[in-house]
Amino acid sequence: MAATDDHTPHLSRQEREDIAENQGLSAISVYGVVHQEGIDELARPGTSLWWSGVAAGLGITASVMAEGILHGIFADHPYRPAIENLGYTLGFVLVILGRLQLFTESTLTAILPLLTRRTPGMLLATARLWGIILAANFTGTFAAVALAVWAHSIPAEHVEGMLAISRHYGELTPLEGLTYGIPAGFYVAAIVWMLPSSRAGAPFVIMLFTYLIAMGDFTHVIAGSAELFLLLVSGETGLGHAAALLFCTLIGNILGGTGLFALLAYGQVADEMRR
């Protein structure tokens, strides 16, 4: 399904590792690494994308669980919001460093090949990737929530903490979900862009910017789906509101990750690639 373009060379794994070891990465070098990651993702079999996406959905639910646990432990602490939001970072560290397929990462990686080779085939390949990963992520978050609520895989007091965290997102209007989703999409794309030059500091970069997402009350469609599914299976929200909020958050994340960051990332190197 993947195709290379005329401007960005195909990089071998060893070449990418050599580039990543260079501490002075230029913008076009970073672009080359992230672009090649997108090419690799577009070429993966559908079953590989699916199971990686399901695993990412299961993993990202750790963010909601960790927040819920910290919410209960620090119930009377004056800085409880700042402390519990640290838990939000854990699922992203697990998923991103575990190289699992998270939809909001693909708003950058899968789009760069499309920007440099604007063909119907590349557009279809990108749509295929997005569709599989998004459905798989939702399947993973729902499975995690179902295990927590129906199979009691998480202690009841922690589930109550998770519900308390989730109600805050569930109370947003769809328009708020969209507008708050734009910064979240931008920052997740920024994380992907920074990883090639982060090296050993990658966990810190992930934690720093996902903590910003949590503290800013910005909305992330996959982590948010875990919260909305939890409210749904607990009978605390309706299907119509959950679907509308989730869809608008998705649009916001795409606007932030693709409409802003990916276009800016491409724009800063487009002339250099042509030369």
Protein backbone atom coordinates (compact mmCIF):
# COMPACT_ATOMS: atom_id res chain seq x y z
CA MET A 1 0.00 0.00 0.00
CA ALA A 2 2.94 2.38 0.50
CA ALA A 3 4.85 4.32 -2.07
CA THR A 4 7.97 6.43 -1.84
CA ASP A 5 8.17 9.97 -3.23
CA ASP A 6 10.67 11.73 -5.46
CA HIS A 7 11.93 14.15 -2.83
CA THR A 8 12.51 12.12 0.34
CA PRO A 9 14.87 9.14 0.03
CA HIS A 10 13.94 5.75 1.39
CA LEU A 11 15.97 5.24 4.56
CA SER A 12 17.09 1.86 5.83
CA ARG A 13 16.73 1.04 9.53
CA GLN A 14 20.49 1.43 10.01
CA GLU A 15 20.45 4.82 8.29
CA ARG A 16 17.64 5.97 10.54
CA GLU A 17 19.55 4.80 13.61
CA ASP A 18 22.63 6.66 12.40
CA ILE A 19 20.60 9.82 11.94
CA ALA A 20 18.98 9.43 15.37
CA GLU A 21 22.42 9.19 16.98
CA ASN A 22 23.36 12.59 15.58
CA GLN A 23 22.65 15.12 18.32
CA GLY A 24 22.43 18.02 15.86
CA LEU A 25 19.49 16.90 13.75
CA SER A 26 18.35 19.42 11.16
CA ALA A 27 14.67 19.97 10.41
CA ILE A 28 14.94 18.06 7.14
CA SER A 29 16.67 15.14 8.91
CA VAL A 30 13.83 14.94 11.43
CA TYR A 31 11.38 15.16 8.56
CA GLY A 32 13.14 12.27 6.83
CA VAL A 33 12.94 10.06 9.92
CA VAL A 34 9.27 10.79 10.64
CA HIS A 35 8.38 10.52 6.94
CA GLN A 36 10.01 7.10 6.76
CA GLU A 37 8.09 5.99 9.85
CA GLY A 38 4.93 6.95 8.00
CA ILE A 39 5.98 4.96 4.93
CA ASP A 40 6.68 1.94 7.15
CA GLU A 41 3.28 2.24 8.85
CA LEU A 42 1.45 2.52 5.53
CA ALA A 43 3.15 -0.67 4.34
CA ARG A 44 2.20 -2.78 7.41
CA PRO A 45 -0.38 -5.56 6.98
CA GLY A 46 -3.86 -4.77 8.22
CA THR A 47 -3.74 -7.46 10.91
CA SER A 48 -0.52 -6.02 12.32
CA LEU A 49 -2.03 -2.54 12.45
CA TRP A 50 -5.18 -3.89 14.08
CA TRP A 51 -3.56 -5.76 16.95
CA SER A 52 -1.05 -2.98 17.55
CA GLY A 53 -3.96 -0.54 17.67
CA VAL A 54 -5.94 -2.73 20.09
CA ALA A 55 -2.89 -2.94 22.33
CA ALA A 56 -2.55 0.85 22.18
CA GLY A 57 -6.19 1.23 23.25
CA LEU A 58 -5.63 -1.09 26.19
CA GLY A 59 -2.41 0.70 27.08
CA ILE A 60 -3.76 4.26 26.91
CA THR A 61 -6.42 3.31 29.45
CA ALA A 62 -3.58 3.21 31.98
CA SER A 63 -3.74 7.01 31.87
CA VAL A 64 -7.32 7.05 33.14
CA MET A 65 -6.60 4.31 35.68
CA ALA A 66 -3.53 6.08 37.06
CA GLU A 67 -5.45 9.35 37.32
CA GLY A 68 -8.27 7.57 39.13
CA ILE A 69 -5.91 5.93 41.61
CA LEU A 70 -4.16 9.22 42.38
CA HIS A 71 -7.54 10.96 42.63
CA GLY A 72 -8.50 8.62 45.47
CA ILE A 73 -5.15 8.61 47.25
CA PHE A 74 -4.84 12.40 47.34
CA ALA A 75 -8.51 13.12 48.00
CA ASP A 76 -7.82 15.77 50.65
CA HIS A 77 -4.64 17.23 49.19
CA PRO A 78 -4.82 20.89 48.10
CA TYR A 79 -2.81 20.11 44.96
CA ARG A 80 -4.73 16.98 44.01
CA PRO A 81 -5.45 18.10 40.39
CA ALA A 82 -1.74 18.72 39.71
CA ILE A 83 -0.80 15.37 41.26
CA GLU A 84 -3.50 13.23 39.66
CA ASN A 85 -2.75 14.65 36.22
CA LEU A 86 0.71 13.09 36.43
CA GLY A 87 -1.08 9.77 36.03
CA TYR A 88 -2.34 10.87 32.61
CA THR A 89 1.18 10.68 31.24
CA LEU A 90 1.69 6.98 32.00
CA GLY A 91 -0.47 5.51 29.25
CA PHE A 92 1.21 7.69 26.62
CA VAL A 93 4.68 6.63 27.77
CA LEU A 94 3.61 2.99 27.54
CA VAL A 95 2.04 3.34 24.09
CA ILE A 96 4.59 5.61 22.41
CA LEU A 97 7.74 3.96 23.72
CA GLY A 98 6.12 0.56 23.19
CA ARG A 99 5.78 1.47 19.47
CA LEU A 100 2.05 0.75 19.51
CA GLN A 101 -0.28 2.30 16.94
CA LEU A 102 -2.02 5.32 18.46
CA PHE A 103 -4.31 7.25 16.14
CA THR A 104 -3.15 10.73 17.10
CA GLU A 105 0.46 9.86 16.26
CA SER A 106 -0.62 8.92 12.74
CA THR A 107 -2.08 12.40 12.18
CA LEU A 108 1.56 13.37 11.57
CA THR A 109 3.46 10.25 10.49
CA ALA A 110 0.94 9.02 7.90
CA ILE A 111 0.26 12.51 6.56
CA LEU A 112 3.85 13.46 5.67
CA PRO A 113 4.05 10.85 2.86
CA LEU A 114 0.69 12.11 1.58
CA LEU A 115 1.89 15.71 1.58
CA THR A 116 4.99 14.83 -0.43
CA ARG A 117 3.17 12.46 -2.81
CA ARG A 118 -0.39 13.63 -3.39
CA THR A 119 -1.86 10.71 -5.33
CA PRO A 120 -5.16 8.81 -5.02
CA GLY A 121 -3.23 5.68 -4.04
CA MET A 122 -1.46 7.42 -1.18
CA LEU A 123 -4.75 8.99 -0.04
CA LEU A 124 -6.41 5.56 0.05
CA ALA A 125 -3.45 4.09 1.93
CA THR A 126 -3.68 6.87 4.52
CA ALA A 127 -7.46 6.41 4.89
CA ARG A 128 -6.94 2.66 5.32
CA LEU A 129 -4.35 3.25 8.04
CA TRP A 130 -6.48 5.78 9.90
CA GLY A 131 -9.61 3.62 9.72
CA ILE A 132 -7.94 0.49 11.03
CA ILE A 133 -6.06 2.23 13.84
CA LEU A 134 -9.03 4.29 15.02
CA ALA A 135 -11.35 1.28 15.16
CA ALA A 136 -8.66 -0.80 16.89
CA ASN A 137 -7.93 1.91 19.46
CA PHE A 138 -11.63 2.17 20.33
CA THR A 139 -11.86 -1.61 20.59
CA GLY A 140 -8.93 -1.64 23.01
CA THR A 141 -10.27 1.13 25.24
CA PHE A 142 -13.72 -0.47 25.37
CA ALA A 143 -12.23 -3.86 26.23
CA ALA A 144 -10.20 -2.31 29.05
CA VAL A 145 -13.27 -0.55 30.45
CA ALA A 146 -15.39 -3.68 30.15
CA LEU A 147 -12.80 -5.69 32.08
CA ALA A 148 -12.68 -3.01 34.78
CA VAL A 149 -16.44 -2.67 35.26
CA TRP A 150 -17.91 -6.04 34.35
CA ALA A 151 -15.03 -8.40 35.18
CA HIS A 152 -13.87 -6.34 38.20
CA SER A 153 -10.25 -6.45 37.07
CA ILE A 154 -9.69 -3.13 38.86
CA PRO A 155 -10.69 -2.59 42.53
CA ALA A 156 -14.00 -0.77 42.95
CA GLU A 157 -12.45 2.22 44.72
CA HIS A 158 -10.13 2.81 41.77
CA VAL A 159 -13.02 2.51 39.30
CA GLU A 160 -14.83 5.18 41.31
CA GLY A 161 -11.79 7.41 40.99
CA MET A 162 -11.72 6.76 37.24
CA LEU A 163 -15.39 7.73 37.03
CA ALA A 164 -14.71 10.96 38.89
CA ILE A 165 -12.00 11.81 36.37
CA SER A 166 -14.19 10.81 33.41
CA ARG A 167 -17.18 12.95 34.47
CA HIS A 168 -15.18 16.09 33.82
CA TYR A 169 -14.71 15.17 30.16
CA GLY A 170 -18.25 13.82 29.84
CA GLU A 171 -19.69 17.18 30.88
CA LEU A 172 -18.12 19.02 27.94
CA THR A 173 -20.19 20.08 24.96
CA PRO A 174 -19.24 18.70 21.53
CA LEU A 175 -18.01 22.16 20.52
CA GLU A 176 -15.74 22.28 23.58
CA GLY A 177 -14.47 18.81 22.71
CA LEU A 178 -13.53 20.07 19.26
CA THR A 179 -11.82 23.30 20.33
CA TYR A 180 -9.97 21.67 23.24
CA GLY A 181 -8.94 18.84 20.92
CA ILE A 182 -6.94 21.11 18.62
CA PRO A 183 -4.12 21.82 21.11
CA ALA A 184 -4.02 18.15 22.15
CA GLY A 185 -3.59 17.03 18.54
CA PHE A 186 -0.87 19.62 18.01
CA TYR A 187 1.10 18.59 21.10
CA VAL A 188 0.93 14.85 20.36
CA ALA A 189 2.19 15.54 16.83
CA ALA A 190 4.95 17.68 18.38
CA ILE A 191 5.98 14.73 20.55
CA VAL A 192 6.30 12.54 17.45
CA TRP A 193 8.37 15.24 15.76
CA MET A 194 10.72 15.60 18.76
CA LEU A 195 11.30 11.88 19.42
CA PRO A 196 14.05 11.34 16.78
CA SER A 197 16.27 13.91 18.50
CA SER A 198 15.14 13.18 22.07
CA ARG A 199 17.07 9.92 22.46
CA ALA A 200 17.31 9.05 26.19
CA GLY A 201 15.12 12.03 27.04
CA ALA A 202 12.11 10.62 25.17
CA PRO A 203 10.17 9.61 28.33
CA PHE A 204 10.58 13.12 29.72
CA VAL A 205 9.40 14.71 26.47
CA ILE A 206 6.31 12.47 26.40
CA MET A 207 5.50 13.12 30.06
CA LEU A 208 6.04 16.87 29.79
CA PHE A 209 3.67 17.46 26.90
CA THR A 210 0.99 14.95 27.90
CA TYR A 211 1.04 16.51 31.37
CA LEU A 212 0.39 19.84 29.66
CA ILE A 213 -2.58 18.25 27.85
CA ALA A 214 -3.98 17.02 31.16
CA MET A 215 -3.38 20.25 33.08
CA GLY A 216 -4.87 22.32 30.25
CA ASP A 217 -8.01 20.15 30.14
CA PHE A 218 -7.40 19.54 26.44
CA THR A 219 -9.18 16.57 24.88
CA HIS A 220 -7.62 13.47 23.36
CA VAL A 221 -9.91 11.22 21.35
CA ILE A 222 -8.44 7.85 22.40
CA ALA A 223 -7.88 8.56 26.10
CA GLY A 224 -11.24 10.32 26.03
CA SER A 225 -12.92 7.27 24.54
CA ALA A 226 -11.88 5.26 27.60
CA GLU A 227 -13.53 7.89 29.81
CA LEU A 228 -16.72 8.01 27.75
CA PHE A 229 -16.97 4.22 27.49
CA LEU A 230 -16.60 4.06 31.27
CA LEU A 231 -19.45 6.53 31.70
CA LEU A 232 -21.53 4.63 29.14
CA VAL A 233 -21.21 1.19 30.72
CA SER A 234 -21.86 2.76 34.14
CA GLY A 235 -25.05 4.40 32.85
CA GLU A 236 -23.87 7.96 33.51
CA THR A 237 -24.09 9.30 29.95
CA GLY A 238 -26.08 8.67 26.81
CA LEU A 239 -24.86 7.15 23.58
CA GLY A 240 -25.79 10.20 21.51
CA HIS A 241 -23.84 12.66 23.65
CA ALA A 242 -20.85 10.32 23.89
CA ALA A 243 -20.75 9.77 20.12
CA ALA A 244 -21.05 13.50 19.35
CA LEU A 245 -18.37 14.46 21.88
CA LEU A 246 -16.02 11.75 20.66
CA PHE A 247 -16.50 12.70 17.00
CA CYS A 248 -15.88 16.39 17.66
CA THR A 249 -12.77 15.57 19.70
CA LEU A 250 -11.55 13.46 16.78
CA ILE A 251 -12.00 16.38 14.40
CA GLY A 252 -10.15 18.68 16.80
CA ASN A 253 -7.23 16.27 17.12
CA ILE A 254 -6.99 15.94 13.33
CA LEU A 255 -7.08 19.71 12.90
CA GLY A 256 -4.32 20.15 15.46
CA GLY A 257 -2.12 17.24 14.37
CA THR A 258 -2.61 17.36 10.61
CA GLY A 259 -4.12 20.76 9.85
CA LEU A 260 -1.59 22.66 11.95
CA PHE A 261 1.50 20.69 12.89
CA ALA A 262 1.91 18.43 9.85
CA LEU A 263 1.42 21.29 7.41
CA LEU A 264 3.88 23.49 9.32
CA ALA A 265 6.42 20.65 9.50
CA TYR A 266 6.12 20.09 5.76
CA GLY A 267 6.19 23.80 4.97
CA GLN A 268 9.51 24.40 6.70
CA VAL A 269 11.36 21.80 4.60
CA ALA A 270 9.41 21.79 1.30
CA ASP A 271 11.78 24.14 -0.54
CA GLU A 272 14.86 22.29 0.75
CA MET A 273 13.52 18.97 -0.52
CA ARG A 274 12.86 20.43 -3.96
CA ARG A 275 16.44 21.69 -4.14
